[in-house]
Amino acid sequence: MQKIYNKTTQNLGPLTLLCVEKEKITQDFYKIILQKKFESIVFASNAEEGLEIFLQEEVDLIISEPSEDGLEMIEEIRQMDKQIPIILASATKDIDTIIKALQLNVNNFFQKPLNASKVLDAIENVTQLITINKYVKKQKELALKTLKEKEIYNAYQEELALKKELLIMRNDFSQELIHNSLYKLDIIYQPHDTLSGDAYSARELSENQMFFMIADGMGKGLSASLSAMLLTSYVNHLIDTKKPVDYEKLINSAIAYISVLLVDYEVICADFILIDFSRKLLKYAKFSMPASLLMQNSTQIIRLKSNNPPISPYTDKIEINTCDISEVSKFLFFSDGIVENSTFVEDELYGDYIEEDFSSSLTAQEFKEKFMNKVESLDDDTTFIFIAKHN
C-alpha cells in the first residue's frame, strides 16, 4: 500500500484505488503514474485477494484484469455495490469477455501493454462519477443523521406530550372502589397515537355523587387532541375550584369555554355523566356520543342515547336527562373508538358485539379481553369507563 496526497483530490476527500494485478512491474507502473491522483493505492495479486480487500476497506475505484476470476470478482462486487467505478485493463480483444464486462457495468477500458496517457484518460473519465458517488454518499449520511436527530427529538416530545395528557386526565378513585366500596370502577384508556383525541375525567363531587366525562375531539392530529385536552383540563379546574359543584352550571361553563376555541368546522363529542347513588339517579348530557350501556335487573340492558348534537361554536343550549339506577348493577361509558373498530368478521364492527360482551363481563378487564379478541387492530383512540357492583 502506498499513501500519496494530492491537492486535486482535496475536495473529494481521500481516495483509495484498488488494483488487481499480479505482475510486480505493472504494479510499479500504476504507482508512478497514479501517485498524484490517489491518497491510497492498494494492490491485490489475484481476484480472491481483491474481493477480500474490497470487503475490508473503503474503496473508491477498482482496476482489474478481465480474467475469468477477475470477472467473477466484479460480479460479486456488483451485487454489493452497483455504483463503484470499475476499469478493465485488458490484453485481450475477445468479444465475449468485453460483452460480459459491459453486462457487469464496467465503466471504462484500457489496453495492455499499458500507456500512461490512456490510463490517465480512463481514470479522468470516471473522476466525475467518483465525485458524484462521494457527494451522494455524504448527503445520504447527513440526511440520515438529521433524520435520526429529528426522530430522537420527536420521540422525546411525544413522551412529554403523553405525560402531559395523562396529567390532565384525572381519576379520583385510586383504589377503584366507589360509594362505600359497593361498586368497582375501571378505566381503560388506549390512545391510537401519542396525540390522542380522547380524554376522560372521573371525579368524586361528594361522598355519593360521582362525575364522569369522556371527550372525543373529532378529526386527527394536534387540533383534535388539543380540543379534547383543553375541555378536560377546564372541567377539572372547575371541579377543583367551584365548591359545591353544580352539574348543570359545570356543563354550561365548559361548553362556553371550549366553543370559542374550536376552529373551522371542528366539533367535540362528549359525555357528561353524574351518578347520584344516594338518590339512585343518573343525569346525563351526551353530545353525539355512542349510547352508554346500563345493566338492570341482571338481564335488561338500558341504552342511554345522545340527547345533544356535538359541541360546536354554535352550541347555545343543552339537554339533560335523568335515569333511575335503583336496579342497575353495572355501567359502561365509552368513546366511539370501541364500536367503530373492525372485527375479524368481514364487514362487521365491534358495535355489533358490544352489548353481548358487556352483558357477560363482570369486570373491565374481562370486557377488554373480549373486545381485543374480536378486533383486528385499534383503528381509533379507545376509552371506556366500566362500573359494576362489587361482590
Protein backbone atom coordinates (compact mmCIF):
# COMPACT_ATOMS: atom_id res chain seq x y z
CA MET A 1 0.00 0.00 0.00
CA GLN A 2 1.29 3.43 -0.90
CA LYS A 3 -0.04 6.69 0.65
CA ILE A 4 0.03 9.73 -1.62
CA TYR A 5 -1.51 13.22 -1.14
CA ASN A 6 -2.76 15.38 -3.98
CA LYS A 7 -4.42 18.81 -3.86
CA THR A 8 -6.56 17.98 -6.89
CA THR A 9 -8.46 15.38 -4.89
CA GLN A 10 -8.83 17.53 -1.80
CA ASN A 11 -12.50 18.34 -2.45
CA LEU A 12 -13.28 14.66 -2.91
CA GLY A 13 -11.66 13.67 0.33
CA PRO A 14 -9.03 10.87 0.46
CA LEU A 15 -9.47 8.46 -2.46
CA THR A 16 -8.49 4.80 -2.48
CA LEU A 17 -7.67 2.83 -5.63
CA LEU A 18 -7.75 -0.98 -5.64
CA CYS A 19 -5.58 -2.56 -8.38
CA VAL A 20 -5.99 -6.28 -9.01
CA GLU A 21 -2.74 -7.03 -10.82
CA LYS A 22 -0.36 -9.98 -10.42
CA GLU A 23 2.65 -8.52 -12.25
CA LYS A 24 5.01 -6.53 -10.00
CA ILE A 25 6.27 -4.39 -12.87
CA THR A 26 2.71 -3.35 -13.72
CA GLN A 27 2.04 -2.52 -10.07
CA ASP A 28 5.08 -0.24 -10.09
CA PHE A 29 3.83 1.41 -13.27
CA TYR A 30 0.49 2.20 -11.60
CA LYS A 31 2.28 3.66 -8.58
CA ILE A 32 4.33 6.03 -10.72
CA ILE A 33 1.57 7.42 -12.94
CA LEU A 34 -1.28 7.47 -10.38
CA GLN A 35 0.51 8.82 -7.33
CA LYS A 36 -0.94 12.29 -7.96
CA LYS A 37 -4.48 11.02 -8.20
CA PHE A 38 -4.96 8.88 -5.09
CA GLU A 39 -4.12 9.12 -1.45
CA SER A 40 -4.09 5.35 -1.14
CA ILE A 41 -3.29 2.65 -3.74
CA VAL A 42 -3.93 -0.92 -2.63
CA PHE A 43 -2.69 -3.89 -4.68
CA ALA A 44 -4.10 -7.41 -4.86
CA SER A 45 -2.25 -10.19 -6.66
CA ASN A 46 -5.43 -12.08 -7.58
CA ALA A 47 -9.23 -11.79 -7.64
CA GLU A 48 -9.73 -13.58 -4.32
CA GLU A 49 -7.40 -11.17 -2.55
CA GLY A 50 -9.04 -8.23 -4.36
CA LEU A 51 -12.51 -9.22 -3.12
CA GLU A 52 -11.20 -9.58 0.42
CA ILE A 53 -9.66 -6.08 0.30
CA PHE A 54 -12.92 -4.65 -1.12
CA LEU A 55 -14.85 -6.16 1.79
CA GLN A 56 -12.43 -4.80 4.39
CA GLU A 57 -11.57 -1.31 3.10
CA GLU A 58 -13.42 1.68 1.69
CA VAL A 59 -12.51 1.63 -1.99
CA ASP A 60 -13.37 4.41 -4.48
CA LEU A 61 -12.15 2.88 -7.76
CA ILE A 62 -11.14 -0.59 -9.00
CA ILE A 63 -8.76 -1.52 -11.82
CA SER A 64 -8.77 -5.22 -12.68
CA GLU A 65 -7.81 -7.69 -15.35
CA PRO A 66 -10.66 -9.38 -17.25
CA SER A 67 -9.61 -12.91 -16.37
CA GLU A 68 -12.32 -15.42 -15.51
CA ASP A 69 -11.63 -14.96 -11.81
CA GLY A 70 -11.50 -11.20 -12.30
CA LEU A 71 -14.97 -11.12 -13.89
CA GLU A 72 -16.34 -13.33 -11.12
CA MET A 73 -14.90 -10.89 -8.58
CA ILE A 74 -16.52 -7.96 -10.41
CA GLU A 75 -19.85 -9.80 -10.49
CA GLU A 76 -19.73 -10.33 -6.71
CA ILE A 77 -18.77 -6.71 -6.12
CA ARG A 78 -21.62 -5.50 -8.36
CA GLN A 79 -24.09 -7.49 -6.24
CA MET A 80 -22.95 -5.44 -3.24
CA ASP A 81 -22.17 -2.09 -4.86
CA LYS A 82 -23.68 -1.03 -8.19
CA GLN A 83 -22.10 2.44 -8.13
CA ILE A 84 -18.36 1.98 -7.62
CA PRO A 85 -16.41 2.73 -10.83
CA ILE A 86 -14.57 -0.26 -12.33
CA ILE A 87 -11.96 -0.12 -15.12
CA LEU A 88 -10.69 -3.15 -17.01
CA ALA A 89 -7.03 -3.35 -18.02
CA SER A 90 -7.17 -5.92 -20.82
CA ALA A 91 -4.68 -7.53 -23.15
CA THR A 92 -7.46 -9.43 -24.91
CA LYS A 93 -9.86 -8.32 -27.62
CA ASP A 94 -12.19 -11.29 -27.07
CA ILE A 95 -15.71 -10.07 -27.81
CA ASP A 96 -17.38 -12.40 -25.26
CA THR A 97 -15.18 -11.05 -22.49
CA ILE A 98 -15.98 -7.48 -23.44
CA ILE A 99 -19.75 -8.21 -23.60
CA LYS A 100 -19.71 -9.84 -20.19
CA ALA A 101 -17.76 -6.89 -18.77
CA LEU A 102 -20.33 -4.49 -20.20
CA GLN A 103 -23.13 -6.55 -18.71
CA LEU A 104 -21.44 -6.08 -15.33
CA ASN A 105 -21.49 -2.30 -15.88
CA VAL A 106 -17.74 -1.88 -16.16
CA ASN A 107 -17.20 1.86 -16.59
CA ASN A 108 -14.12 2.01 -18.79
CA PHE A 109 -11.35 0.03 -20.51
CA PHE A 110 -7.72 0.47 -21.48
CA GLN A 111 -5.50 -1.87 -23.45
CA LYS A 112 -2.30 -3.61 -22.46
CA PRO A 113 0.56 -3.04 -22.96
CA LEU A 114 -0.11 -0.01 -20.78
CA ASN A 115 0.16 3.52 -21.99
CA ALA A 116 0.35 6.22 -19.33
CA SER A 117 -1.76 8.69 -21.30
CA LYS A 118 -4.56 6.16 -21.93
CA VAL A 119 -4.56 5.05 -18.29
CA LEU A 120 -4.80 8.64 -17.07
CA ASP A 121 -7.57 9.39 -19.59
CA ALA A 122 -9.55 6.39 -18.39
CA ILE A 123 -9.09 7.49 -14.77
CA GLU A 124 -10.08 11.07 -15.62
CA ASN A 125 -13.28 9.88 -17.32
CA VAL A 126 -14.54 8.26 -14.11
CA THR A 127 -13.44 11.09 -11.81
CA GLN A 128 -16.80 12.82 -12.19
CA LEU A 129 -18.56 9.57 -11.28
CA ILE A 130 -16.39 9.28 -8.17
CA THR A 131 -17.26 12.87 -7.26
CA ILE A 132 -20.98 12.17 -7.66
CA ASN A 133 -20.78 8.97 -5.62
CA LYS A 134 -18.90 10.76 -2.84
CA TYR A 135 -21.37 13.63 -2.83
CA VAL A 136 -24.44 11.38 -2.82
CA LYS A 137 -23.00 9.24 -0.04
CA LYS A 138 -22.19 12.31 2.06
CA GLN A 139 -25.68 13.73 1.51
CA LYS A 140 -27.26 10.41 2.50
CA GLU A 141 -25.17 10.30 5.66
CA LEU A 142 -26.16 13.88 6.52
CA ALA A 143 -29.82 13.13 5.79
CA LEU A 144 -29.74 10.00 7.95
CA LYS A 145 -28.02 11.88 10.76
CA THR A 146 -30.58 14.70 10.56
CA LEU A 147 -33.44 12.21 10.42
CA LYS A 148 -32.08 10.31 13.42
CA GLU A 149 -31.69 13.53 15.43
CA LYS A 150 -35.21 14.58 14.44
CA GLU A 151 -36.62 11.18 15.40
CA ILE A 152 -34.92 11.36 18.80
CA TYR A 153 -36.26 14.87 19.34
CA ASN A 154 -39.77 13.93 18.18
CA ALA A 155 -39.77 10.81 20.37
CA TYR A 156 -38.80 12.96 23.37
CA GLN A 157 -41.54 15.50 22.57
CA GLU A 158 -44.10 12.72 22.15
CA GLU A 159 -43.08 11.28 25.51
CA LEU A 160 -43.57 14.71 27.13
CA ALA A 161 -46.91 15.13 25.33
CA LEU A 162 -48.17 11.78 26.61
CA LYS A 163 -47.09 12.66 30.16
CA LYS A 164 -48.95 15.94 29.84
CA GLU A 165 -52.08 14.20 28.56
CA LEU A 166 -52.04 11.71 31.43
CA LEU A 167 -51.51 14.57 33.89
CA ILE A 168 -54.52 16.46 32.50
CA MET A 169 -56.84 13.47 32.84
CA ARG A 170 -57.96 12.84 36.39
CA ASN A 171 -59.21 9.82 38.29
CA ASP A 172 -60.09 10.47 41.94
CA PHE A 173 -60.74 6.79 42.58
CA SER A 174 -57.25 5.44 43.00
CA GLN A 175 -58.48 2.46 44.99
CA GLU A 176 -61.04 1.72 42.26
CA LEU A 177 -63.80 1.23 44.86
CA ILE A 178 -66.52 3.87 44.99
CA HIS A 179 -69.64 4.62 47.04
CA ASN A 180 -68.65 2.91 50.28
CA SER A 181 -66.88 0.15 48.33
CA LEU A 182 -70.17 -1.09 46.87
CA TYR A 183 -69.01 -0.53 43.28
CA LYS A 184 -65.79 -1.23 41.44
CA LEU A 185 -64.54 1.29 38.86
CA ASP A 186 -62.20 0.53 35.96
CA ILE A 187 -61.00 2.93 33.26
CA ILE A 188 -59.33 1.68 30.11
CA TYR A 189 -57.54 4.35 28.09
CA GLN A 190 -55.76 3.25 24.92
CA PRO A 191 -54.67 6.11 22.62
CA HIS A 192 -54.17 5.19 18.97
CA ASP A 193 -51.42 7.82 18.64
CA THR A 194 -49.44 9.83 21.17
CA LEU A 195 -51.61 12.84 20.41
CA SER A 196 -54.89 11.28 21.45
CA GLY A 197 -58.23 12.78 20.51
CA ASP A 198 -59.78 11.08 23.56
CA ALA A 199 -59.67 12.33 27.13
CA TYR A 200 -61.54 11.48 30.31
CA SER A 201 -62.18 12.66 33.84
CA ALA A 202 -63.50 10.66 36.81
CA ARG A 203 -64.22 12.89 39.81
CA GLU A 204 -65.80 12.50 43.24
CA LEU A 205 -68.04 15.54 43.77
CA SER A 206 -69.26 14.32 47.16
CA GLU A 207 -69.50 11.09 49.10
CA ASN A 208 -72.46 9.97 47.00
CA GLN A 209 -72.01 11.91 43.75
CA MET A 210 -69.63 10.77 41.04
CA PHE A 211 -68.94 12.73 37.86
CA PHE A 212 -67.59 11.16 34.68
CA MET A 213 -66.65 12.81 31.41
CA ILE A 214 -65.32 11.40 28.15
CA ALA A 215 -64.31 13.88 25.45
CA ASP A 216 -63.61 12.87 21.86
CA GLY A 217 -62.12 15.53 19.57
CA MET A 218 -63.36 14.85 16.06
CA GLY A 219 -60.64 14.59 13.46
CA LYS A 220 -56.99 13.60 13.58
CA GLY A 221 -53.83 15.19 14.85
CA LEU A 222 -52.90 18.05 17.08
CA SER A 223 -56.06 20.17 16.83
CA ALA A 224 -58.42 17.37 17.90
CA SER A 225 -56.10 16.37 20.73
CA LEU A 226 -55.75 19.96 21.98
CA SER A 227 -59.52 20.47 21.97
CA ALA A 228 -60.19 17.32 23.99
CA MET A 229 -57.40 18.13 26.45
CA LEU A 230 -58.44 21.77 26.85
CA LEU A 231 -62.03 20.78 27.62
CA THR A 232 -60.91 18.14 30.11
CA SER A 233 -58.44 20.48 31.80
CA TYR A 234 -61.07 23.19 32.16
CA VAL A 235 -63.67 20.80 33.59
CA ASN A 236 -61.16 19.58 36.17
CA HIS A 237 -60.30 23.19 37.04
CA LEU A 238 -63.99 23.99 37.63
CA ILE A 239 -64.41 20.95 39.86
CA ASP A 240 -61.30 21.85 41.84
CA THR A 241 -62.26 25.50 42.37
CA LYS A 242 -66.09 25.70 42.41
CA LYS A 243 -67.45 24.13 45.58
CA PRO A 244 -70.09 22.83 45.73
CA VAL A 245 -70.21 21.79 42.09
CA ASP A 246 -73.46 22.37 40.24
CA TYR A 247 -73.72 19.77 37.46
CA GLU A 248 -75.70 21.90 35.00
CA LYS A 249 -73.56 25.01 35.53
CA LEU A 250 -70.44 22.90 35.10
CA ILE A 251 -71.57 21.74 31.66
CA ASN A 252 -72.69 25.21 30.54
CA SER A 253 -69.41 26.79 31.65
CA ALA A 254 -67.33 24.09 29.97
CA ILE A 255 -69.18 24.43 26.67
CA ALA A 256 -68.97 28.24 26.77
CA TYR A 257 -65.22 27.92 27.32
CA ILE A 258 -64.43 25.37 24.60
CA SER A 259 -66.87 26.51 21.90
CA VAL A 260 -64.93 29.73 21.21
CA LEU A 261 -61.68 27.76 20.84
CA LEU A 262 -62.96 25.45 18.10
CA VAL A 263 -61.68 26.29 14.63
CA ASP A 264 -63.31 25.97 11.20
CA TYR A 265 -65.75 23.04 11.28
CA GLU A 266 -64.23 21.41 14.35
CA VAL A 267 -66.57 19.74 16.85
CA ILE A 268 -66.22 17.73 20.05
CA CYS A 269 -68.30 14.75 21.10
CA ALA A 270 -68.58 14.28 24.84
CA ASP A 271 -70.34 12.53 27.71
CA PHE A 272 -71.12 14.41 30.93
CA ILE A 273 -72.41 11.85 33.44
CA LEU A 274 -73.46 12.41 37.06
CA ILE A 275 -74.26 9.39 39.21
CA ASP A 276 -76.05 10.18 42.47
CA PHE A 277 -76.02 6.96 44.48
CA SER A 278 -77.96 8.41 47.42
CA ARG A 279 -80.87 9.41 45.18
CA LYS A 280 -80.32 6.44 42.85
CA LEU A 281 -80.33 8.74 39.83
CA LEU A 282 -78.09 9.21 36.82
CA LYS A 283 -78.03 12.54 34.97
CA TYR A 284 -76.58 12.71 31.52
CA ALA A 285 -75.84 15.16 28.75
CA LYS A 286 -74.47 13.27 25.77
CA PHE A 287 -73.15 15.15 22.77
CA SER A 288 -73.19 12.78 19.75
CA MET A 289 -71.52 10.00 21.70
CA PRO A 290 -72.38 6.30 21.27
CA ALA A 291 -75.14 5.04 23.54
CA SER A 292 -74.00 4.26 27.10
CA LEU A 293 -74.98 0.83 28.42
CA LEU A 294 -76.56 0.05 31.81
CA MET A 295 -77.41 -3.41 33.09
CA GLN A 296 -80.71 -3.51 35.00
CA ASN A 297 -82.00 -6.49 36.99
CA SER A 298 -79.04 -8.55 35.72
CA THR A 299 -80.77 -9.18 32.38
CA GLN A 300 -82.07 -5.98 30.81
CA ILE A 301 -79.77 -3.55 29.03
CA ILE A 302 -80.68 0.14 29.05
CA ARG A 303 -79.21 2.24 26.24
CA LEU A 304 -78.69 5.94 27.01
CA LYS A 305 -78.66 7.61 23.61
CA SER A 306 -77.20 11.01 22.85
CA ASN A 307 -79.57 13.86 23.65
CA ASN A 308 -77.45 16.68 22.18
CA PRO A 309 -75.63 17.40 18.90
CA PRO A 310 -71.82 17.63 19.02
CA ILE A 311 -70.29 20.64 20.76
CA SER A 312 -69.54 23.37 18.24
CA PRO A 313 -69.13 27.16 18.17
CA TYR A 314 -72.92 27.31 17.71
CA THR A 315 -73.94 25.28 20.78
CA ASP A 316 -76.23 27.54 22.83
CA LYS A 317 -78.34 25.16 24.91
CA ILE A 318 -78.08 21.69 26.37
CA GLU A 319 -80.47 18.87 27.12
CA ILE A 320 -80.07 16.98 30.40
CA ASN A 321 -81.97 13.77 31.14
CA THR A 322 -82.23 11.53 34.19
CA CYS A 323 -82.38 7.79 34.62
CA ASP A 324 -83.42 5.68 37.62
CA ILE A 325 -80.49 3.41 38.60
CA SER A 326 -82.02 1.73 41.65
CA GLU A 327 -81.89 -1.64 39.86
CA VAL A 328 -78.74 -1.03 37.83
CA SER A 329 -75.79 -3.30 38.58
CA LYS A 330 -73.21 -2.03 36.07
CA PHE A 331 -72.48 0.84 33.70
CA LEU A 332 -70.40 1.28 30.55
CA PHE A 333 -69.48 4.71 29.14
CA PHE A 334 -67.23 4.81 26.09
CA SER A 335 -65.98 6.74 23.07
CA ASP A 336 -66.74 5.69 19.50
CA GLY A 337 -63.27 4.13 19.17
CA ILE A 338 -64.73 0.89 20.52
CA VAL A 339 -67.84 0.47 18.40
CA GLU A 340 -66.18 1.60 15.14
CA ASN A 341 -63.29 -0.87 15.26
CA SER A 342 -63.22 -3.51 12.54
CA THR A 343 -63.54 -7.14 13.66
CA PHE A 344 -62.18 -10.37 12.25
CA VAL A 345 -65.60 -10.94 10.67
CA GLU A 346 -65.76 -9.15 7.32
CA ASP A 347 -67.99 -6.06 7.20
CA GLU A 348 -68.78 -6.27 10.92
CA LEU A 349 -67.81 -3.67 13.51
CA TYR A 350 -67.39 -4.25 17.22
CA GLY A 351 -70.60 -2.29 17.79
CA ASP A 352 -72.39 -5.48 16.70
CA TYR A 353 -70.96 -7.32 19.72
CA ILE A 354 -70.62 -4.73 22.46
CA GLU A 355 -73.94 -5.37 24.23
CA GLU A 356 -73.35 -9.12 24.36
CA ASP A 357 -69.82 -8.70 25.75
CA PHE A 358 -70.93 -6.06 28.26
CA SER A 359 -73.76 -8.28 29.48
CA SER A 360 -71.43 -11.25 30.09
CA SER A 361 -68.47 -9.32 31.59
CA LEU A 362 -68.06 -8.87 35.33
CA THR A 363 -65.03 -6.57 35.13
CA ALA A 364 -63.47 -4.07 32.75
CA GLN A 365 -60.53 -6.39 32.17
CA GLU A 366 -62.84 -9.22 31.14
CA PHE A 367 -64.69 -6.85 28.81
CA LYS A 368 -61.40 -5.59 27.33
CA GLU A 369 -60.20 -9.15 26.67
CA LYS A 370 -63.39 -9.94 24.77
CA PHE A 371 -63.03 -6.72 22.82
CA MET A 372 -59.37 -7.39 21.90
CA ASN A 373 -60.17 -10.97 20.85
CA LYS A 374 -62.65 -9.70 18.27
CA VAL A 375 -60.93 -6.68 16.71
CA GLU A 376 -58.20 -6.84 14.07
CA SER A 377 -56.47 -3.69 15.25
CA LEU A 378 -57.22 -0.47 17.11
CA ASP A 379 -58.45 1.91 14.41
CA ASP A 380 -59.00 4.83 16.78
CA ASP A 381 -58.45 6.04 20.33
CA THR A 382 -60.25 3.76 22.76
CA THR A 383 -61.61 4.90 26.11
CA PHE A 384 -64.20 3.30 28.35
CA ILE A 385 -65.34 3.55 31.96
CA PHE A 386 -66.73 0.35 33.46
CA ILE A 387 -68.57 0.44 36.81
CA ALA A 388 -70.02 -2.70 38.41
CA LYS A 389 -71.35 -3.72 41.82
CA HIS A 390 -68.54 -5.12 43.90
CA ASN A 391 -69.23 -8.56 45.38
